[in-house]
Amino acid sequence: MLKNVKIVFLAFAAGIAGAWAFHQFSEKDLTKEPLEFRNESPKYNVDFRESPPSIPNNPVSFVEASEKSTPSVVFIKNFSGTDQRRYSIFDYFFGTGPAQRVSTGSGVIISKDGYIITNNHVIDRAETIEVVHQKRTYPAKLIGTDKNTDIAVLKVETENLPAIQLGSSRELKIGEWVIAVGNPFNLTSTVTAGIVSAKERQINILGGEFPLESFIQTDAPINPGNSGGALVNVRGELVGINTAILSRTGSYTGYGFAVPVDIAMKIANDLIKFGEVQKAIPGIEVVEITPELAEEMGLKTLDGVIITHVVRNGAGEKAGLQRNDVITGIGNIDILGKGSFEEVLSYYYPGDKIQVTFQRNSMKNSAQVTLQNLEGGTGIIKREFFTSNLLGAQLEAVNTLEKDRLGIEFGIKITGMTRGYLRDLGLNNGFVITHVNGEPSKNPEEVGKYLEKFSGRLRLEGVTPNGQPFMQSYNVR
């Protein structure tokens, strides 16, 4: 019995000793352990009673912008004669004839009383134009076109149309979300989204005498049929008119281009009010600054444009501007290149005065330029045209810049040529008639009516579009 008590006592004592030893070991200073073990797992102080960490903003929604803008975009049909390529002898057996050629595009309602803005190429060569809006079809009247910006204005006779809300392309930022609204592939009321990837982009696609390219570049998908449609911001405000795509296939492959709304609306308002774009001319020609030109001229920056030609008696010459001056600013706007130079000028009218900042021989200068119209004056002009089906062309007086470029004092230019008398004589678009049978050609209507009635020996003098003198005699009946 005594032996068993001793065994229990010894076991109890051993337990006490073991507990004391473990306690002593656990109190050992861990700061003497290697550094990599102490810092192996970082410590986090998380208080779950506080709000969770902030997360990125919710993705942009285009619902509001789509709902606001889609009702203001229309479907345009261009009927431009018969398509002989689709006509064969078999059509006789089935009672059909040549099919009418129809092309389509988009447009944007800019006023409640029926004014619509679109691209010039959407309605080019149209014999009749129809506008489809919310399943209703309206005949449309062509108010005017401008090949320099690829803008055209139509008018439909109705009321209370949903005019789009206008934004500002000047305030539009690179990286900003935009949506393209239009009718690609005849699929009406289609919306696609992307961002503004560049501004003031020049891609050398426009015609006209003074092409103005300062496109908004976007990766919002734009396809055939989108032309003339709306580019809008996330508030549903119009910021551009979709115009072109950069593609080798004819369909969207990455980038689309839109005319900035500030330019498009200036053109549209001019066409509506005056029937002619009131272009403000500074009387100079400029080019982009390339690295090669910058090195040659000792320039420290590629920003700005270089004057390459000053028009005789033009606005620039009168203000003291010279060849090789580097324009860096107009008013309070910095000029970064030819795109921004042309865009800024497009907002002004003849007679407006602008402050031009420029460098000459590394010295900073400024000059006040009074902008002129195409005739060299400062007032609003309405150009004179004479259109003749017999001649197959439109005749118009050459403007001041053309006179300077071609080295002539006067002349009548041939434009809009179709089949007719002048084409039979071998003349082309852009040819300038300076004399008819030795008489100066100054008035389009007088020259046109004279040619319509004349028969006998006809002698024409003039200048070809590339500036070559021309003289030819004809026997006409």
Protein backbone atom coordinates (compact mmCIF):
# COMPACT_ATOMS: atom_id res chain seq x y z
CA MET A 1 0.00 0.00 0.00
CA LEU A 2 2.79 2.38 0.98
CA LYS A 3 4.58 1.48 -2.23
CA ASN A 4 1.56 2.52 -4.37
CA VAL A 5 1.30 5.88 -2.58
CA LYS A 6 4.95 6.59 -3.36
CA ILE A 7 4.40 5.86 -7.07
CA VAL A 8 1.43 8.27 -7.26
CA PHE A 9 3.39 10.97 -5.46
CA LEU A 10 6.37 10.61 -7.80
CA ALA A 11 4.05 10.82 -10.87
CA PHE A 12 2.38 13.93 -9.50
CA ALA A 13 5.76 15.58 -8.83
CA ALA A 14 6.96 14.71 -12.32
CA GLY A 15 3.86 16.35 -13.82
CA ILE A 16 4.46 19.51 -11.81
CA ALA A 17 8.08 19.59 -12.91
CA GLY A 18 7.09 19.08 -16.57
CA ALA A 19 4.55 21.89 -16.47
CA TRP A 20 7.13 24.23 -14.91
CA ALA A 21 9.69 23.33 -17.61
CA PHE A 22 7.18 23.95 -20.45
CA HIS A 23 6.24 27.33 -18.98
CA GLN A 24 9.87 28.35 -18.77
CA PHE A 25 10.47 27.32 -22.41
CA SER A 26 7.44 29.24 -23.70
CA GLU A 27 8.75 32.43 -22.07
CA LYS A 28 11.98 32.23 -24.12
CA ASP A 29 12.89 35.50 -25.99
CA LEU A 30 11.90 34.89 -29.63
CA THR A 31 13.79 37.98 -30.81
CA LYS A 32 16.89 35.80 -30.91
CA GLU A 33 15.37 33.71 -33.72
CA PRO A 34 16.70 34.30 -37.32
CA LEU A 35 15.18 37.38 -39.12
CA GLU A 36 13.68 35.40 -41.99
CA PHE A 37 11.54 33.36 -39.63
CA ARG A 38 10.24 36.37 -37.73
CA ASN A 39 9.09 38.13 -40.91
CA GLU A 40 7.93 35.12 -42.88
CA SER A 41 4.25 36.03 -42.58
CA PRO A 42 3.36 39.76 -42.45
CA LYS A 43 0.79 40.89 -39.95
CA TYR A 44 -2.44 42.65 -41.04
CA ASN A 45 -4.54 44.83 -38.83
CA VAL A 46 -8.10 44.29 -40.10
CA ASP A 47 -11.08 45.67 -38.27
CA PHE A 48 -14.16 44.11 -39.82
CA ARG A 49 -16.35 46.60 -38.00
CA GLU A 50 -15.14 49.29 -40.46
CA SER A 51 -16.38 49.70 -44.07
CA PRO A 52 -14.71 47.39 -46.60
CA PRO A 53 -12.03 48.90 -48.86
CA SER A 54 -13.39 51.01 -51.75
CA ILE A 55 -13.79 49.30 -55.13
CA PRO A 56 -13.60 50.85 -58.65
CA ASN A 57 -16.63 52.75 -59.95
CA ASN A 58 -19.32 50.73 -61.66
CA PRO A 59 -18.84 50.28 -65.44
CA VAL A 60 -20.13 53.10 -67.63
CA SER A 61 -23.73 52.60 -68.74
CA PHE A 62 -24.74 53.74 -72.22
CA VAL A 63 -28.46 53.27 -71.64
CA GLU A 64 -29.24 56.94 -70.98
CA ALA A 65 -27.12 58.15 -73.90
CA SER A 66 -28.74 55.61 -76.24
CA GLU A 67 -32.27 56.49 -75.16
CA LYS A 68 -31.61 60.21 -75.66
CA SER A 69 -29.83 60.02 -79.03
CA THR A 70 -31.38 57.12 -80.94
CA PRO A 71 -34.72 58.89 -81.67
CA SER A 72 -32.79 61.73 -83.35
CA VAL A 73 -30.96 59.53 -85.89
CA VAL A 74 -32.65 58.84 -89.24
CA PHE A 75 -32.22 56.38 -92.10
CA ILE A 76 -31.44 57.99 -95.48
CA LYS A 77 -32.08 56.50 -98.93
CA ASN A 78 -30.29 57.91 -101.98
CA PHE A 79 -31.96 57.08 -105.32
CA SER A 80 -29.45 57.85 -108.06
CA GLY A 81 -30.74 56.49 -111.35
CA THR A 82 -30.70 53.02 -112.87
CA ASP A 83 -28.11 50.35 -112.27
CA GLN A 84 -27.33 48.97 -115.71
CA ARG A 85 -25.02 46.34 -114.25
CA ARG A 86 -28.06 44.51 -112.85
CA TYR A 87 -29.95 44.51 -116.12
CA SER A 88 -29.78 41.75 -118.72
CA ILE A 89 -31.77 40.38 -121.67
CA PHE A 90 -33.45 37.87 -119.34
CA ASP A 91 -35.29 40.75 -117.68
CA TYR A 92 -37.40 41.09 -120.84
CA PHE A 93 -38.82 37.61 -120.32
CA PHE A 94 -39.77 38.30 -116.73
CA GLY A 95 -41.24 41.73 -117.29
CA THR A 96 -38.60 43.70 -115.37
CA GLY A 97 -36.37 46.59 -116.41
CA PRO A 98 -33.23 48.26 -115.14
CA ALA A 99 -33.22 48.45 -111.34
CA GLN A 100 -32.90 51.82 -109.63
CA ARG A 101 -29.61 52.27 -107.80
CA VAL A 102 -30.17 52.87 -104.10
CA SER A 103 -27.55 53.66 -101.48
CA THR A 104 -28.20 54.23 -97.81
CA GLY A 105 -26.77 56.06 -94.85
CA SER A 106 -27.66 57.91 -91.69
CA GLY A 107 -28.48 61.44 -90.63
CA VAL A 108 -29.07 63.44 -87.45
CA ILE A 109 -32.06 65.69 -86.71
CA ILE A 110 -30.74 69.09 -85.60
CA SER A 111 -34.02 71.05 -85.45
CA LYS A 112 -37.64 70.30 -84.61
CA ASP A 113 -38.81 71.69 -87.95
CA GLY A 114 -36.97 69.10 -90.02
CA TYR A 115 -33.35 70.09 -90.69
CA ILE A 116 -31.08 67.04 -90.86
CA ILE A 117 -27.29 66.90 -91.05
CA THR A 118 -25.49 64.08 -92.84
CA ASN A 119 -22.41 63.40 -94.99
CA ASN A 120 -22.06 64.77 -98.49
CA HIS A 121 -21.05 61.32 -99.76
CA VAL A 122 -24.31 59.85 -98.42
CA ILE A 123 -26.41 61.95 -100.81
CA ASP A 124 -23.86 62.41 -103.61
CA ARG A 125 -25.42 62.23 -107.12
CA ALA A 126 -28.89 61.68 -105.68
CA GLU A 127 -31.87 62.19 -107.96
CA THR A 128 -34.30 61.81 -105.08
CA ILE A 129 -33.73 61.45 -101.34
CA GLU A 130 -35.95 59.83 -98.72
CA VAL A 131 -35.67 60.01 -94.95
CA VAL A 132 -37.08 57.25 -92.76
CA HIS A 133 -37.81 58.15 -89.14
CA GLN A 134 -39.67 55.87 -86.75
CA LYS A 135 -41.16 53.87 -89.65
CA ARG A 136 -42.41 56.99 -91.43
CA THR A 137 -40.90 57.96 -94.80
CA TYR A 138 -40.50 61.60 -95.87
CA PRO A 139 -39.26 63.10 -99.15
CA ALA A 140 -36.22 65.25 -98.42
CA LYS A 141 -34.96 68.45 -100.02
CA LEU A 142 -31.21 69.01 -100.34
CA ILE A 143 -30.40 72.38 -98.73
CA GLY A 144 -26.67 72.41 -99.44
CA THR A 145 -23.41 70.49 -99.39
CA ASP A 146 -19.77 71.12 -98.55
CA LYS A 147 -17.20 68.74 -100.03
CA ASN A 148 -14.44 70.36 -97.98
CA THR A 149 -15.87 68.85 -94.79
CA ASP A 150 -18.12 66.12 -96.28
CA ILE A 151 -21.18 67.73 -94.68
CA ALA A 152 -24.65 68.09 -96.21
CA VAL A 153 -27.99 69.41 -94.92
CA LEU A 154 -31.44 68.04 -95.77
CA LYS A 155 -34.93 69.33 -94.96
CA VAL A 156 -38.12 67.34 -94.45
CA GLU A 157 -41.52 69.00 -94.14
CA THR A 158 -42.83 67.99 -90.73
CA GLU A 159 -42.90 69.33 -87.20
CA ASN A 160 -42.00 68.40 -83.63
CA LEU A 161 -39.12 66.11 -84.55
CA PRO A 162 -36.80 65.07 -81.69
CA ALA A 163 -33.78 67.30 -82.28
CA ILE A 164 -30.59 65.95 -80.75
CA GLN A 165 -28.94 67.76 -77.86
CA LEU A 166 -25.67 69.40 -78.93
CA GLY A 167 -22.40 68.89 -77.08
CA SER A 168 -18.96 70.39 -77.66
CA SER A 169 -16.20 68.65 -79.60
CA ARG A 170 -13.68 71.21 -78.33
CA GLU A 171 -14.29 70.01 -74.78
CA LEU A 172 -14.16 66.33 -75.74
CA LYS A 173 -11.19 64.52 -74.17
CA ILE A 174 -9.05 61.69 -75.47
CA GLY A 175 -10.03 58.56 -73.54
CA GLU A 176 -13.63 59.69 -73.07
CA TRP A 177 -16.40 57.18 -73.76
CA VAL A 178 -18.53 57.77 -76.86
CA ILE A 179 -21.20 55.82 -78.75
CA ALA A 180 -21.90 55.70 -82.48
CA VAL A 181 -25.57 55.68 -83.51
CA GLY A 182 -26.57 54.83 -87.06
CA ASN A 183 -27.83 52.28 -89.54
CA PRO A 184 -24.95 49.97 -90.53
CA PHE A 185 -25.76 47.37 -93.19
CA ASN A 186 -29.37 48.70 -93.21
CA LEU A 187 -29.78 47.67 -89.56
CA THR A 188 -31.63 50.68 -88.20
CA SER A 189 -31.03 52.27 -84.79
CA THR A 190 -27.78 50.47 -84.01
CA VAL A 191 -25.56 51.59 -81.13
CA THR A 192 -21.88 50.75 -80.64
CA ALA A 193 -19.47 52.01 -77.99
CA GLY A 194 -15.79 52.93 -77.73
CA ILE A 195 -13.49 55.70 -76.63
CA VAL A 196 -12.01 58.77 -78.25
CA SER A 197 -8.57 57.55 -79.29
CA ALA A 198 -7.29 60.76 -80.95
CA LYS A 199 -8.34 64.23 -82.08
CA GLU A 200 -7.35 66.58 -84.91
CA ARG A 201 -6.60 63.55 -87.07
CA GLN A 202 -5.87 64.05 -90.78
CA ILE A 203 -6.29 61.05 -93.11
CA ASN A 204 -6.39 62.81 -96.51
CA ILE A 205 -9.72 61.48 -97.78
CA LEU A 206 -11.74 64.65 -98.43
CA GLY A 207 -12.27 66.37 -101.75
CA GLY A 208 -13.05 70.00 -102.41
CA GLU A 209 -10.76 72.95 -102.96
CA PHE A 210 -9.97 73.50 -99.28
CA PRO A 211 -10.39 70.15 -97.50
CA LEU A 212 -10.75 70.60 -93.76
CA GLU A 213 -9.69 67.49 -91.85
CA SER A 214 -9.57 67.52 -88.09
CA PHE A 215 -11.34 64.24 -87.35
CA ILE A 216 -12.26 62.71 -84.01
CA GLN A 217 -10.79 59.20 -84.05
CA THR A 218 -12.70 56.54 -82.16
CA ASP A 219 -12.65 52.78 -81.75
CA ALA A 220 -16.46 52.65 -81.56
CA PRO A 221 -17.33 50.26 -84.43
CA ILE A 222 -18.50 52.17 -87.54
CA ASN A 223 -19.58 50.29 -90.67
CA PRO A 224 -21.10 51.11 -94.09
CA GLY A 225 -24.45 52.79 -93.40
CA ASN A 226 -23.15 54.54 -90.28
CA SER A 227 -21.99 57.50 -92.39
CA GLY A 228 -23.83 60.66 -91.39
CA GLY A 229 -24.87 59.20 -88.05
CA ALA A 230 -24.29 60.54 -84.56
CA LEU A 231 -21.24 60.24 -82.35
CA VAL A 232 -22.46 61.12 -78.85
CA ASN A 233 -20.96 61.30 -75.37
CA VAL A 234 -22.27 59.43 -72.32
CA ARG A 235 -24.79 62.22 -71.72
CA GLY A 236 -26.32 61.64 -75.15
CA GLU A 237 -24.99 64.93 -76.56
CA LEU A 238 -23.86 65.11 -80.19
CA VAL A 239 -20.08 65.51 -80.45
CA GLY A 240 -19.43 64.39 -84.03
CA ILE A 241 -20.83 63.17 -87.36
CA ASN A 242 -19.55 59.69 -88.22
CA THR A 243 -17.86 59.91 -91.60
CA ALA A 244 -15.20 57.32 -92.41
CA ILE A 245 -13.43 54.15 -91.38
CA LEU A 246 -9.83 53.04 -91.79
CA SER A 247 -10.17 49.64 -93.40
CA ARG A 248 -8.77 47.41 -96.13
CA THR A 249 -11.95 45.34 -96.26
CA GLY A 250 -14.65 48.02 -96.40
CA SER A 251 -15.90 47.07 -92.93
CA TYR A 252 -14.82 48.12 -89.46
CA THR A 253 -11.33 46.92 -88.53
CA GLY A 254 -10.33 49.18 -85.68
CA TYR A 255 -10.81 52.93 -86.16
CA GLY A 256 -13.59 55.27 -87.20
CA PHE A 257 -13.51 59.00 -87.86
CA ALA A 258 -16.08 61.71 -87.19
CA VAL A 259 -16.34 65.38 -88.14
CA PRO A 260 -16.31 67.40 -84.88
CA VAL A 261 -19.76 68.77 -84.09
CA ASP A 262 -18.47 72.32 -83.66
CA ILE A 263 -17.25 72.28 -87.27
CA ALA A 264 -20.27 70.39 -88.61
CA MET A 265 -22.79 72.79 -87.04
CA LYS A 266 -20.91 75.88 -88.31
CA ILE A 267 -21.09 74.40 -91.83
CA ALA A 268 -24.77 73.42 -91.43
CA ASN A 269 -25.79 76.84 -90.14
CA ASP A 270 -24.00 78.54 -93.05
CA LEU A 271 -25.73 76.30 -95.59
CA ILE A 272 -29.14 76.92 -94.02
CA LYS A 273 -28.72 80.69 -93.65
CA PHE A 274 -26.60 81.64 -96.67
CA GLY A 275 -26.71 78.61 -98.98
CA GLU A 276 -22.91 78.78 -99.02
CA VAL A 277 -20.19 78.09 -96.46
CA GLN A 278 -18.66 81.37 -95.31
CA LYS A 279 -15.04 80.31 -95.23
CA ALA A 280 -12.60 82.65 -93.47
CA ILE A 281 -9.28 82.86 -95.29
CA PRO A 282 -6.00 83.90 -93.59
CA GLY A 283 -4.24 84.29 -96.96
CA ILE A 284 -1.48 81.80 -96.24
CA GLU A 285 -0.66 78.15 -96.86
CA VAL A 286 0.93 76.04 -94.13
CA VAL A 287 2.46 72.58 -93.57
CA GLU A 288 3.06 70.31 -90.60
CA ILE A 289 6.43 70.50 -88.84
CA THR A 290 8.33 67.27 -89.50
CA PRO A 291 11.52 66.26 -87.67
CA GLU A 292 13.44 66.99 -90.88
CA LEU A 293 11.98 70.50 -91.20
CA ALA A 294 12.56 71.17 -87.50
CA GLU A 295 16.22 70.22 -87.84
CA GLU A 296 16.63 72.26 -91.02
CA MET A 297 15.07 75.36 -89.44
CA GLY A 298 16.59 74.89 -85.99
CA LEU A 299 13.25 74.46 -84.24
CA LYS A 300 13.11 72.94 -80.76
CA THR A 301 9.56 71.58 -81.03
CA LEU A 302 7.31 69.91 -83.58
CA ASP A 303 4.27 71.90 -82.41
CA GLY A 304 2.88 74.53 -84.78
CA VAL A 305 2.74 74.97 -88.56
CA ILE A 306 5.15 76.54 -91.04
CA ILE A 307 3.99 79.14 -93.57
CA THR A 308 4.98 77.99 -97.08
CA HIS A 309 3.15 80.60 -99.16
CA VAL A 310 1.67 84.05 -98.61
CA VAL A 311 -1.13 85.11 -100.98
CA ARG A 312 -0.60 88.40 -102.78
CA ASN A 313 -2.67 91.17 -101.18
CA GLY A 314 -4.14 88.57 -98.82
CA ALA A 315 -4.90 88.85 -95.12
CA GLY A 316 -1.59 87.33 -94.05
CA GLU A 317 0.51 89.64 -96.22
CA LYS A 318 -1.37 92.70 -94.97
CA ALA A 319 -0.70 91.58 -91.37
CA GLY A 320 3.03 91.19 -92.04
CA LEU A 321 3.28 87.38 -92.03
CA GLN A 322 6.11 85.90 -94.09
CA ARG A 323 7.18 82.59 -95.57
CA ASN A 324 8.88 80.29 -92.99
CA ASP A 325 7.15 81.96 -90.04
CA VAL A 326 6.09 79.29 -87.53
CA ILE A 327 2.55 79.79 -86.22
CA THR A 328 2.19 78.52 -82.65
CA GLY A 329 -1.11 80.03 -81.53
CA ILE A 330 -4.36 81.68 -82.61
CA GLY A 331 -5.99 83.69 -79.86
CA ASN A 332 -5.61 81.65 -76.68
CA ILE A 333 -5.49 78.32 -78.56
CA ASP A 334 -2.18 76.52 -79.01
CA ILE A 335 -1.60 75.30 -82.56
CA LEU A 336 -0.17 71.78 -82.44
CA GLY A 337 -0.39 70.96 -86.14
CA LYS A 338 -2.27 71.55 -89.38
CA GLY A 339 -5.40 69.85 -88.00
CA SER A 340 -5.75 72.25 -85.10
CA PHE A 341 -4.82 75.22 -87.31
CA GLU A 342 -7.63 74.46 -89.77
CA GLU A 343 -10.12 73.59 -87.04
CA VAL A 344 -9.62 76.87 -85.19
CA LEU A 345 -10.00 78.89 -88.39
CA SER A 346 -13.22 77.06 -89.27
CA TYR A 347 -15.03 78.71 -86.34
CA TYR A 348 -14.51 82.24 -87.70
CA TYR A 349 -16.22 84.34 -90.36
CA PRO A 350 -14.78 86.75 -92.95
CA GLY A 351 -14.10 90.08 -91.31
CA ASP A 352 -13.24 88.54 -87.92
CA LYS A 353 -9.93 89.66 -86.42
CA ILE A 354 -7.64 87.04 -84.88
CA GLN A 355 -4.40 87.36 -82.94
CA VAL A 356 -1.73 85.10 -84.43
CA THR A 357 1.33 84.12 -82.40
CA PHE A 358 4.35 83.06 -84.43
CA GLN A 359 8.12 82.61 -84.36
CA ARG A 360 10.50 84.23 -86.80
CA ASN A 361 14.22 83.54 -86.52
CA SER A 362 13.65 82.09 -83.02
CA MET A 363 11.97 85.32 -81.90
CA LYS A 364 8.38 85.30 -80.65
CA ASN A 365 6.02 87.70 -82.46
CA SER A 366 2.32 88.37 -82.85
CA ALA A 367 0.11 89.93 -85.49
CA GLN A 368 -3.55 90.79 -85.86
CA VAL A 369 -5.04 89.23 -88.99
CA THR A 370 -8.36 90.34 -90.49
CA LEU A 371 -9.76 87.23 -92.16
CA GLN A 372 -11.04 87.51 -95.72
CA ASN A 373 -13.66 85.71 -97.79
CA LEU A 374 -12.95 83.74 -100.96
CA GLU A 375 -13.28 86.89 -103.06
CA GLY A 376 -10.69 88.77 -101.02
CA GLY A 377 -13.21 90.93 -99.14
CA THR A 378 -14.44 90.79 -95.56
CA GLY A 379 -18.20 90.47 -96.01
CA ILE A 380 -20.63 87.59 -96.36
CA ILE A 381 -20.67 86.29 -99.92
CA LYS A 382 -23.01 84.24 -102.05
CA ARG A 383 -21.14 82.66 -104.92
CA GLU A 384 -22.66 82.79 -108.38
CA PHE A 385 -23.27 79.56 -110.31
CA PHE A 386 -24.67 78.74 -113.70
CA THR A 387 -25.90 75.18 -114.22
CA SER A 388 -26.59 73.85 -117.69
CA ASN A 389 -27.83 70.42 -118.72
CA LEU A 390 -26.81 71.14 -122.30
CA LEU A 391 -23.24 71.96 -121.28
CA GLY A 392 -23.32 69.13 -118.76
CA ALA A 393 -21.62 71.17 -116.04
CA GLN A 394 -21.83 73.90 -113.46
CA LEU A 395 -19.87 77.10 -114.07
CA GLU A 396 -18.59 79.36 -111.29
CA ALA A 397 -16.20 82.30 -110.98
CA VAL A 398 -12.73 81.45 -109.65
CA ASN A 399 -11.95 82.79 -106.19
CA THR A 400 -9.00 84.84 -104.94
CA LEU A 401 -6.90 81.87 -103.85
CA GLU A 402 -7.38 80.12 -107.19
CA LYS A 403 -6.40 83.26 -109.05
CA ASP A 404 -3.22 83.48 -107.00
CA ARG A 405 -2.41 79.78 -107.42
CA LEU A 406 -3.02 79.74 -111.19
CA GLY A 407 -1.51 83.17 -111.84
CA ILE A 408 -4.63 84.60 -113.53
CA GLU A 409 -6.74 87.72 -113.05
CA PHE A 410 -10.15 86.16 -113.79
CA GLY A 411 -11.79 83.01 -115.09
CA ILE A 412 -14.77 80.64 -115.02
CA LYS A 413 -14.25 77.18 -113.53
CA ILE A 414 -16.00 74.01 -114.70
CA THR A 415 -17.41 71.86 -111.86
CA GLY A 416 -19.99 69.10 -111.43
CA MET A 417 -19.39 67.80 -114.94
CA THR A 418 -21.71 65.16 -116.42
CA ARG A 419 -22.34 64.06 -120.00
CA GLY A 420 -22.70 67.05 -122.26
CA TYR A 421 -21.21 69.66 -124.55
CA LEU A 422 -18.11 70.52 -122.53
CA ARG A 423 -17.11 66.91 -121.97
CA ASP A 424 -17.44 66.32 -125.73
CA LEU A 425 -14.91 69.12 -126.20
CA GLY A 426 -12.48 67.18 -124.02
CA LEU A 427 -12.65 69.48 -120.97
CA ASN A 428 -12.60 68.21 -117.38
CA ASN A 429 -13.66 69.24 -113.89
CA GLY A 430 -11.46 72.03 -112.58
CA PHE A 431 -10.63 73.50 -115.98
CA VAL A 432 -10.74 77.32 -115.93
CA ILE A 433 -11.94 79.20 -119.01
CA THR A 434 -10.26 82.62 -119.22
CA HIS A 435 -11.31 83.69 -122.75
CA VAL A 436 -14.01 82.64 -125.22
CA ASN A 437 -13.28 83.79 -128.77
CA GLY A 438 -10.87 86.35 -127.37
CA GLU A 439 -13.33 87.85 -124.88
CA PRO A 440 -12.53 87.74 -121.11
CA SER A 441 -14.60 85.22 -119.13
CA LYS A 442 -15.79 86.78 -115.87
CA ASN A 443 -19.50 86.09 -115.46
CA PRO A 444 -20.63 82.41 -115.23
CA GLU A 445 -24.13 83.04 -116.60
CA GLU A 446 -22.93 85.11 -119.56
CA VAL A 447 -20.30 82.53 -120.53
CA GLY A 448 -22.74 79.64 -120.08
CA LYS A 449 -25.52 81.12 -122.20
CA TYR A 450 -23.05 82.17 -124.90
CA LEU A 451 -21.70 78.62 -125.18
CA GLU A 452 -25.22 77.14 -125.25
CA LYS A 453 -26.20 79.21 -128.28
CA PHE A 454 -22.93 79.51 -130.19
CA SER A 455 -22.20 77.63 -133.41
CA GLY A 456 -19.24 77.98 -135.71
CA ARG A 457 -15.54 78.35 -135.03
CA LEU A 458 -15.02 78.38 -131.25
CA ARG A 459 -11.71 79.26 -129.59
CA LEU A 460 -11.24 78.59 -125.88
CA GLU A 461 -8.34 79.80 -123.74
CA GLY A 462 -7.79 78.78 -120.16
CA VAL A 463 -5.78 76.93 -117.55
CA THR A 464 -5.83 73.22 -116.67
CA PRO A 465 -6.30 72.18 -113.00
CA ASN A 466 -2.52 71.75 -112.61
CA GLY A 467 -1.83 75.27 -113.93
CA GLN A 468 -0.89 74.55 -117.55
CA PRO A 469 -1.95 77.17 -120.14
CA PHE A 470 -4.47 75.92 -122.71
CA MET A 471 -5.76 77.14 -126.06
CA GLN A 472 -7.86 75.15 -128.52
CA SER A 473 -10.15 75.81 -131.49
CA TYR A 474 -13.27 73.77 -132.31
CA ASN A 475 -15.90 73.57 -135.01
CA VAL A 476 -19.26 73.43 -133.26
CA ARG A 477 -22.79 73.27 -134.62
